[in-house]
Amino acid sequence: MTGPFLYVCARPQREAANAEWASFRDGLGLDGADLIHHDLVREPLPTDLDRFAGVVVGGSPFNVTDPAKTDAQLRLERDLEALASVALEGRTRAMFTCFGIGVVTRLLGGVVTLDHPEDTGPAEITLTADGRRDELFGILAPRFHALTAHKEGTAHVPPGATLLASNPACPVQAYRAGAALWATQFHPEPTVDAFVARMAVYRAAGYFDADAFDEVAAHVRTASVEQPALLLRTFAAHARAE
């Protein structure tokens, strides 16, 4: 499909949001003009989603399981559910990451829980048999490393979805729902340096011991995360080919 791609930002912190947009741009292999930046924290969801070849949803310090939510967060979650519904109808391709997988899981009738957090840093991910056959995930190595940092996770693959990737700490690392929606718990877009820069923004957010920043950052920089970037390139290529 011709047309631009859309990056949907769920981060209130502009510095982190702008850097995440740049990471998705590079991961997808797009020019800046081909990846529209939409700040969903401050602006409602666009109504013309059909014009985009594909949509990527970034992470957020928000959690689906947050006990008290502002009106802004509630509206953002409703808009993400609306976007997921458009992708489930096949009207655009979408990839939801990190916080986004929780929104999609709840929409599908699944359970989001605090029982499956992961530390900040690289995690080993294993493809399922369905993942090895998937049009996007099938190009990845059967086992690969990706960067994670989250406080909640999906308890079980939600109704109607197909589990694509897993690991012991967080059993639902990725799934596909319908023909055009993918969701990942891990972050497919950042390089290790971009991830460390993001860590600096969220140093006091409880993802890791703030006093251990240098140690955690050094560990992150040892990771090889080329495989998740291949996932984004393949997502863009398939969206363009339709």
C-alpha atoms as a PDB file:
ATOM      1  CA  MET A   1       0.000   0.000   0.000  1.00  0.00           C
ATOM      2  CA  THR A   2       1.288   3.444  -0.828  1.00  0.00           C
ATOM      3  CA  GLY A   3       1.069   6.205   1.732  1.00  0.00           C
ATOM      4  CA  PRO A   4       2.934   7.179   4.872  1.00  0.00           C
ATOM      5  CA  PHE A   5       3.263   5.275   8.117  1.00  0.00           C
ATOM      6  CA  LEU A   6       1.987   6.556  11.455  1.00  0.00           C
ATOM      7  CA  TYR A   7       3.815   6.528  14.781  1.00  0.00           C
ATOM      8  CA  VAL A   8       1.377   6.805  17.681  1.00  0.00           C
ATOM      9  CA  CYS A   9       2.995   8.262  20.790  1.00  0.00           C
ATOM     10  CA  ALA A  10       1.707   7.283  24.237  1.00  0.00           C
ATOM     11  CA  ARG A  11       4.529   8.953  26.176  1.00  0.00           C
ATOM     12  CA  PRO A  12       3.922  12.256  28.027  1.00  0.00           C
ATOM     13  CA  GLN A  13       7.684  12.950  28.087  1.00  0.00           C
ATOM     14  CA  ARG A  14       8.458  14.771  24.831  1.00  0.00           C
ATOM     15  CA  GLU A  15      12.186  13.968  24.893  1.00  0.00           C
ATOM     16  CA  ALA A  16      11.486  10.229  25.110  1.00  0.00           C
ATOM     17  CA  ALA A  17       8.688  10.494  22.544  1.00  0.00           C
ATOM     18  CA  ASN A  18      10.831  12.242  19.951  1.00  0.00           C
ATOM     19  CA  ALA A  19      13.634   9.744  20.430  1.00  0.00           C
ATOM     20  CA  GLU A  20      11.207   6.826  20.144  1.00  0.00           C
ATOM     21  CA  TRP A  21       9.844   8.243  16.876  1.00  0.00           C
ATOM     22  CA  ALA A  22      13.420   8.417  15.543  1.00  0.00           C
ATOM     23  CA  SER A  23      14.074   4.822  16.625  1.00  0.00           C
ATOM     24  CA  PHE A  24      10.959   3.591  14.823  1.00  0.00           C
ATOM     25  CA  ARG A  25      11.877   5.647  11.743  1.00  0.00           C
ATOM     26  CA  ASP A  26      15.304   4.025  11.584  1.00  0.00           C
ATOM     27  CA  GLY A  27      13.998   0.556  12.450  1.00  0.00           C
ATOM     28  CA  LEU A  28      11.337   0.714   9.752  1.00  0.00           C
ATOM     29  CA  GLY A  29      13.878   2.068   7.265  1.00  0.00           C
ATOM     30  CA  LEU A  30      11.821   5.167   6.483  1.00  0.00           C
ATOM     31  CA  ASP A  31      12.590   8.775   5.743  1.00  0.00           C
ATOM     32  CA  GLY A  32      11.320  11.208   8.344  1.00  0.00           C
ATOM     33  CA  ALA A  33       8.549  12.443   6.044  1.00  0.00           C
ATOM     34  CA  ASP A  34       7.238   8.880   5.678  1.00  0.00           C
ATOM     35  CA  LEU A  35       6.628   8.377   9.409  1.00  0.00           C
ATOM     36  CA  ILE A  36       4.040  10.797  10.756  1.00  0.00           C
ATOM     37  CA  HIS A  37       4.419  11.580  14.486  1.00  0.00           C
ATOM     38  CA  HIS A  38       1.072  11.695  16.289  1.00  0.00           C
ATOM     39  CA  ASP A  39       1.029  12.657  19.972  1.00  0.00           C
ATOM     40  CA  LEU A  40      -1.904  10.658  21.333  1.00  0.00           C
ATOM     41  CA  VAL A  41      -1.306  11.981  24.848  1.00  0.00           C
ATOM     42  CA  ARG A  42      -2.337  15.463  23.745  1.00  0.00           C
ATOM     43  CA  GLU A  43      -4.372  14.887  20.569  1.00  0.00           C
ATOM     44  CA  PRO A  44      -7.199  12.434  19.801  1.00  0.00           C
ATOM     45  CA  LEU A  45      -6.750   9.584  17.354  1.00  0.00           C
ATOM     46  CA  PRO A  46      -6.877  10.597  13.673  1.00  0.00           C
ATOM     47  CA  THR A  47     -10.051   9.557  11.867  1.00  0.00           C
ATOM     48  CA  ASP A  48      -8.346   8.780   8.532  1.00  0.00           C
ATOM     49  CA  LEU A  49      -6.356   5.710   9.613  1.00  0.00           C
ATOM     50  CA  ASP A  50      -7.095   3.926   6.329  1.00  0.00           C
ATOM     51  CA  ARG A  51      -4.659   6.207   4.503  1.00  0.00           C
ATOM     52  CA  PHE A  52      -1.646   4.868   6.382  1.00  0.00           C
ATOM     53  CA  ALA A  53       0.276   1.892   5.065  1.00  0.00           C
ATOM     54  CA  GLY A  54       0.998   0.865   8.634  1.00  0.00           C
ATOM     55  CA  VAL A  55       0.832   2.103  12.219  1.00  0.00           C
ATOM     56  CA  VAL A  56       3.305   1.536  15.059  1.00  0.00           C
ATOM     57  CA  VAL A  57       2.418   2.208  18.691  1.00  0.00           C
ATOM     58  CA  GLY A  58       5.232   3.029  21.095  1.00  0.00           C
ATOM     59  CA  GLY A  59       5.600   2.334  24.798  1.00  0.00           C
ATOM     60  CA  SER A  60       4.510   4.397  27.773  1.00  0.00           C
ATOM     61  CA  PRO A  61       5.030   4.855  31.505  1.00  0.00           C
ATOM     62  CA  PHE A  62       1.281   4.227  31.794  1.00  0.00           C
ATOM     63  CA  ASN A  63       0.036   0.773  32.779  1.00  0.00           C
ATOM     64  CA  VAL A  64      -3.272  -0.861  31.939  1.00  0.00           C
ATOM     65  CA  THR A  65      -3.355  -2.066  35.560  1.00  0.00           C
ATOM     66  CA  ASP A  66      -2.902   1.412  37.060  1.00  0.00           C
ATOM     67  CA  PRO A  67      -5.450   1.650  39.916  1.00  0.00           C
ATOM     68  CA  ALA A  68      -6.146   5.364  39.390  1.00  0.00           C
ATOM     69  CA  LYS A  69      -6.137   6.907  35.917  1.00  0.00           C
ATOM     70  CA  THR A  70      -6.489  10.469  34.722  1.00  0.00           C
ATOM     71  CA  ASP A  71      -9.099  11.377  32.152  1.00  0.00           C
ATOM     72  CA  ALA A  72      -6.248  11.824  29.659  1.00  0.00           C
ATOM     73  CA  GLN A  73      -5.008   8.267  30.198  1.00  0.00           C
ATOM     74  CA  LEU A  74      -8.511   6.815  29.941  1.00  0.00           C
ATOM     75  CA  ARG A  75      -9.103   8.668  26.663  1.00  0.00           C
ATOM     76  CA  LEU A  76      -5.719   7.511  25.324  1.00  0.00           C
ATOM     77  CA  GLU A  77      -6.552   3.890  26.126  1.00  0.00           C
ATOM     78  CA  ARG A  78      -9.943   4.190  24.405  1.00  0.00           C
ATOM     79  CA  ASP A  79      -8.251   5.642  21.324  1.00  0.00           C
ATOM     80  CA  LEU A  80      -5.708   2.797  21.257  1.00  0.00           C
ATOM     81  CA  GLU A  81      -8.574   0.311  21.468  1.00  0.00           C
ATOM     82  CA  ALA A  82     -10.215   2.075  18.516  1.00  0.00           C
ATOM     83  CA  LEU A  83      -6.965   1.830  16.551  1.00  0.00           C
ATOM     84  CA  ALA A  84      -6.664  -1.862  17.392  1.00  0.00           C
ATOM     85  CA  SER A  85     -10.228  -2.391  16.171  1.00  0.00           C
ATOM     86  CA  VAL A  86      -9.361  -0.779  12.826  1.00  0.00           C
ATOM     87  CA  ALA A  87      -6.388  -3.154  12.464  1.00  0.00           C
ATOM     88  CA  LEU A  88      -8.500  -6.158  13.494  1.00  0.00           C
ATOM     89  CA  GLU A  89     -10.879  -5.215  10.679  1.00  0.00           C
ATOM     90  CA  GLY A  90      -7.908  -5.274   8.278  1.00  0.00           C
ATOM     91  CA  ARG A  91      -8.195  -1.609   7.367  1.00  0.00           C
ATOM     92  CA  THR A  92      -4.537  -0.928   8.251  1.00  0.00           C
ATOM     93  CA  ARG A  93      -1.569  -2.896   9.569  1.00  0.00           C
ATOM     94  CA  ALA A  94      -0.568  -2.162  13.139  1.00  0.00           C
ATOM     95  CA  MET A  95       2.156  -3.143  15.571  1.00  0.00           C
ATOM     96  CA  PHE A  96       1.523  -2.383  19.246  1.00  0.00           C
ATOM     97  CA  THR A  97       4.531  -2.529  21.583  1.00  0.00           C
ATOM     98  CA  CYS A  98       5.078  -2.650  25.368  1.00  0.00           C
ATOM     99  CA  PHE A  99       2.162  -0.758  27.003  1.00  0.00           C
ATOM    100  CA  GLY A 100       0.191  -1.272  23.792  1.00  0.00           C
ATOM    101  CA  ILE A 101       0.082  -5.059  24.137  1.00  0.00           C
ATOM    102  CA  GLY A 102      -1.800  -4.624  27.407  1.00  0.00           C
ATOM    103  CA  VAL A 103      -4.427  -2.438  25.763  1.00  0.00           C
ATOM    104  CA  VAL A 104      -4.943  -4.963  22.964  1.00  0.00           C
ATOM    105  CA  THR A 105      -5.025  -7.886  25.409  1.00  0.00           C
ATOM    106  CA  ARG A 106      -7.802  -6.253  27.425  1.00  0.00           C
ATOM    107  CA  LEU A 107      -9.742  -5.413  24.246  1.00  0.00           C
ATOM    108  CA  LEU A 108      -9.584  -9.071  23.189  1.00  0.00           C
ATOM    109  CA  GLY A 109     -10.869 -10.221  26.560  1.00  0.00           C
ATOM    110  CA  GLY A 110      -7.529 -11.286  28.007  1.00  0.00           C
ATOM    111  CA  VAL A 111      -5.993 -10.561  31.398  1.00  0.00           C
ATOM    112  CA  VAL A 112      -3.195  -8.079  32.122  1.00  0.00           C
ATOM    113  CA  THR A 113      -1.379  -8.777  35.370  1.00  0.00           C
ATOM    114  CA  LEU A 114       1.506  -7.570  37.511  1.00  0.00           C
ATOM    115  CA  ASP A 115       2.766 -11.163  37.777  1.00  0.00           C
ATOM    116  CA  HIS A 116       5.105 -10.996  34.754  1.00  0.00           C
ATOM    117  CA  PRO A 117       7.375  -7.929  34.998  1.00  0.00           C
ATOM    118  CA  GLU A 118      10.825  -7.913  33.392  1.00  0.00           C
ATOM    119  CA  ASP A 119      13.962  -6.067  34.377  1.00  0.00           C
ATOM    120  CA  THR A 120      15.421  -3.273  32.289  1.00  0.00           C
ATOM    121  CA  GLY A 121      17.775  -4.801  29.770  1.00  0.00           C
ATOM    122  CA  PRO A 122      18.104  -7.621  27.244  1.00  0.00           C
ATOM    123  CA  ALA A 123      15.850 -10.661  27.451  1.00  0.00           C
ATOM    124  CA  GLU A 124      16.071 -13.870  25.447  1.00  0.00           C
ATOM    125  CA  ILE A 125      12.927 -14.469  23.372  1.00  0.00           C
ATOM    126  CA  THR A 126      11.924 -17.802  21.823  1.00  0.00           C
ATOM    127  CA  LEU A 127       9.628 -18.143  18.821  1.00  0.00           C
ATOM    128  CA  THR A 128       6.741 -20.580  18.993  1.00  0.00           C
ATOM    129  CA  ALA A 129       5.983 -22.920  16.096  1.00  0.00           C
ATOM    130  CA  ASP A 130       3.376 -20.397  14.917  1.00  0.00           C
ATOM    131  CA  GLY A 131       5.949 -17.636  15.271  1.00  0.00           C
ATOM    132  CA  ARG A 132       8.349 -19.478  12.987  1.00  0.00           C
ATOM    133  CA  ARG A 133       5.577 -19.633  10.370  1.00  0.00           C
ATOM    134  CA  ASP A 134       4.416 -16.024  10.780  1.00  0.00           C
ATOM    135  CA  GLU A 135       4.997 -13.673   7.855  1.00  0.00           C
ATOM    136  CA  LEU A 136       6.839 -11.190  10.098  1.00  0.00           C
ATOM    137  CA  PHE A 137       8.339 -13.218  12.926  1.00  0.00           C
ATOM    138  CA  GLY A 138       9.306 -16.084  10.638  1.00  0.00           C
ATOM    139  CA  ILE A 139      12.319 -14.152   9.361  1.00  0.00           C
ATOM    140  CA  LEU A 140      13.819 -13.985  12.870  1.00  0.00           C
ATOM    141  CA  ALA A 141      16.187 -16.449  14.501  1.00  0.00           C
ATOM    142  CA  PRO A 142      14.318 -19.039  16.622  1.00  0.00           C
ATOM    143  CA  ARG A 143      15.925 -17.426  19.681  1.00  0.00           C
ATOM    144  CA  PHE A 144      16.959 -13.794  19.837  1.00  0.00           C
ATOM    145  CA  HIS A 145      17.528 -10.982  22.316  1.00  0.00           C
ATOM    146  CA  ALA A 146      15.342  -7.908  22.664  1.00  0.00           C
ATOM    147  CA  LEU A 147      15.160  -5.049  25.158  1.00  0.00           C
ATOM    148  CA  THR A 148      12.498  -5.036  27.848  1.00  0.00           C
ATOM    149  CA  ALA A 149      11.424  -2.894  30.795  1.00  0.00           C
ATOM    150  CA  HIS A 150       7.890  -3.338  32.060  1.00  0.00           C
ATOM    151  CA  LYS A 151       5.867  -3.747  35.241  1.00  0.00           C
ATOM    152  CA  GLU A 152       2.893  -5.675  33.838  1.00  0.00           C
ATOM    153  CA  GLY A 153       2.313  -8.395  31.287  1.00  0.00           C
ATOM    154  CA  THR A 154      -0.298 -10.549  29.585  1.00  0.00           C
ATOM    155  CA  ALA A 155      -1.234 -13.570  31.700  1.00  0.00           C
ATOM    156  CA  HIS A 156      -2.199 -15.849  28.786  1.00  0.00           C
ATOM    157  CA  VAL A 157      -2.535 -15.344  25.056  1.00  0.00           C
ATOM    158  CA  PRO A 158      -5.940 -13.630  24.701  1.00  0.00           C
ATOM    159  CA  PRO A 159      -8.936 -15.179  22.939  1.00  0.00           C
ATOM    160  CA  GLY A 160      -8.607 -15.164  19.160  1.00  0.00           C
ATOM    161  CA  ALA A 161      -4.866 -14.376  19.170  1.00  0.00           C
ATOM    162  CA  THR A 162      -1.951 -16.592  18.155  1.00  0.00           C
ATOM    163  CA  LEU A 163       1.115 -16.736  20.401  1.00  0.00           C
ATOM    164  CA  LEU A 164       4.272 -15.981  18.403  1.00  0.00           C
ATOM    165  CA  ALA A 165       7.019 -15.575  21.013  1.00  0.00           C
ATOM    166  CA  SER A 166       7.596 -16.326  24.672  1.00  0.00           C
ATOM    167  CA  ASN A 167      10.120 -16.612  27.485  1.00  0.00           C
ATOM    168  CA  PRO A 168       9.969 -17.939  31.066  1.00  0.00           C
ATOM    169  CA  ALA A 169       9.742 -14.535  32.774  1.00  0.00           C
ATOM    170  CA  CYS A 170       6.926 -13.219  30.574  1.00  0.00           C
ATOM    171  CA  PRO A 171       5.166 -16.041  28.705  1.00  0.00           C
ATOM    172  CA  VAL A 172       3.364 -13.764  26.242  1.00  0.00           C
ATOM    173  CA  GLN A 173       6.097 -11.820  24.431  1.00  0.00           C
ATOM    174  CA  ALA A 174       4.282 -11.424  21.125  1.00  0.00           C
ATOM    175  CA  TYR A 175       1.081 -12.462  19.399  1.00  0.00           C
ATOM    176  CA  ARG A 176      -0.895 -11.848  16.249  1.00  0.00           C
ATOM    177  CA  ALA A 177      -4.599 -11.043  16.201  1.00  0.00           C
ATOM    178  CA  GLY A 178      -6.475 -11.175  12.929  1.00  0.00           C
ATOM    179  CA  ALA A 179      -4.578 -10.687   9.700  1.00  0.00           C
ATOM    180  CA  ALA A 180      -3.077  -7.269  10.355  1.00  0.00           C
ATOM    181  CA  LEU A 181      -2.338  -6.698  14.054  1.00  0.00           C
ATOM    182  CA  TRP A 182       0.814  -7.720  15.905  1.00  0.00           C
ATOM    183  CA  ALA A 183       1.600  -6.975  19.546  1.00  0.00           C
ATOM    184  CA  THR A 184       4.939  -7.272  21.328  1.00  0.00           C
ATOM    185  CA  GLN A 185       5.830  -6.975  24.999  1.00  0.00           C
ATOM    186  CA  PHE A 186       9.462  -6.279  24.109  1.00  0.00           C
ATOM    187  CA  HIS A 187      10.687  -3.126  22.392  1.00  0.00           C
ATOM    188  CA  PRO A 188      11.582  -3.836  18.746  1.00  0.00           C
ATOM    189  CA  GLU A 189      12.777  -0.339  17.849  1.00  0.00           C
ATOM    190  CA  PRO A 190      15.663   0.981  20.023  1.00  0.00           C
ATOM    191  CA  THR A 191      19.358   0.484  19.611  1.00  0.00           C
ATOM    192  CA  VAL A 192      21.187  -0.081  22.870  1.00  0.00           C
ATOM    193  CA  ASP A 193      22.337   3.551  22.937  1.00  0.00           C
ATOM    194  CA  ALA A 194      18.797   4.808  22.319  1.00  0.00           C
ATOM    195  CA  PHE A 195      17.537   2.550  25.100  1.00  0.00           C
ATOM    196  CA  VAL A 196      20.116   3.909  27.551  1.00  0.00           C
ATOM    197  CA  ALA A 197      19.053   7.452  26.655  1.00  0.00           C
ATOM    198  CA  ARG A 198      15.439   6.451  27.362  1.00  0.00           C
ATOM    199  CA  MET A 199      16.540   4.978  30.690  1.00  0.00           C
ATOM    200  CA  ALA A 200      17.892   8.386  31.670  1.00  0.00           C
ATOM    201  CA  VAL A 201      14.449   9.946  31.135  1.00  0.00           C
ATOM    202  CA  TYR A 202      12.782   7.274  33.295  1.00  0.00           C
ATOM    203  CA  ARG A 203      15.550   6.901  35.845  1.00  0.00           C
ATOM    204  CA  ALA A 204      13.221   7.610  38.772  1.00  0.00           C
ATOM    205  CA  ALA A 205      10.192   5.742  37.380  1.00  0.00           C
ATOM    206  CA  GLY A 206      10.819   2.475  39.225  1.00  0.00           C
ATOM    207  CA  TYR A 207      11.941   0.289  36.318  1.00  0.00           C
ATOM    208  CA  PHE A 208      15.369  -0.202  37.905  1.00  0.00           C
ATOM    209  CA  ASP A 209      17.399   0.998  40.867  1.00  0.00           C
ATOM    210  CA  ALA A 210      18.227   4.602  40.020  1.00  0.00           C
ATOM    211  CA  ASP A 211      21.522   4.329  41.920  1.00  0.00           C
ATOM    212  CA  ALA A 212      22.524   1.407  39.676  1.00  0.00           C
ATOM    213  CA  PHE A 213      22.026   3.354  36.432  1.00  0.00           C
ATOM    214  CA  ASP A 214      25.607   2.969  35.223  1.00  0.00           C
ATOM    215  CA  GLU A 215      25.637  -0.765  35.936  1.00  0.00           C
ATOM    216  CA  VAL A 216      22.306  -1.364  34.200  1.00  0.00           C
ATOM    217  CA  ALA A 217      23.350   0.798  31.238  1.00  0.00           C
ATOM    218  CA  ALA A 218      26.610  -1.130  30.861  1.00  0.00           C
ATOM    219  CA  HIS A 219      24.648  -4.392  30.790  1.00  0.00           C
ATOM    220  CA  VAL A 220      22.260  -3.011  28.161  1.00  0.00           C
ATOM    221  CA  ARG A 221      25.183  -2.027  25.957  1.00  0.00           C
ATOM    222  CA  THR A 222      26.405  -5.645  25.881  1.00  0.00           C
ATOM    223  CA  ALA A 223      23.218  -6.746  24.089  1.00  0.00           C
ATOM    224  CA  SER A 224      22.874  -7.612  20.411  1.00  0.00           C
ATOM    225  CA  VAL A 225      19.432  -6.458  19.271  1.00  0.00           C
ATOM    226  CA  GLU A 226      19.621  -6.632  15.480  1.00  0.00           C
ATOM    227  CA  GLN A 227      16.836  -9.220  15.204  1.00  0.00           C
ATOM    228  CA  PRO A 228      13.988  -6.997  16.471  1.00  0.00           C
ATOM    229  CA  ALA A 229      14.982  -4.340  13.926  1.00  0.00           C
ATOM    230  CA  LEU A 230      14.504  -6.961  11.178  1.00  0.00           C
ATOM    231  CA  LEU A 231      10.953  -7.364  12.442  1.00  0.00           C
ATOM    232  CA  LEU A 232      10.239  -3.689  11.800  1.00  0.00           C
ATOM    233  CA  ARG A 233      11.844  -3.729   8.343  1.00  0.00           C
ATOM    234  CA  THR A 234       9.698  -6.717   7.408  1.00  0.00           C
ATOM    235  CA  PHE A 235       6.573  -5.026   8.785  1.00  0.00           C
ATOM    236  CA  ALA A 236       7.261  -2.001   6.570  1.00  0.00           C
ATOM    237  CA  ALA A 237       8.067  -4.110   3.506  1.00  0.00           C
ATOM    238  CA  HIS A 238       4.890  -6.170   3.763  1.00  0.00           C
ATOM    239  CA  ALA A 239       2.763  -3.076   4.353  1.00  0.00           C
ATOM    240  CA  ARG A 240       4.228  -1.429   1.261  1.00  0.00           C
ATOM    241  CA  ALA A 241       3.690  -4.563  -0.824  1.00  0.00           C
ATOM    242  CA  GLU A 242      -0.047  -4.800  -0.175  1.00  0.00           C
END
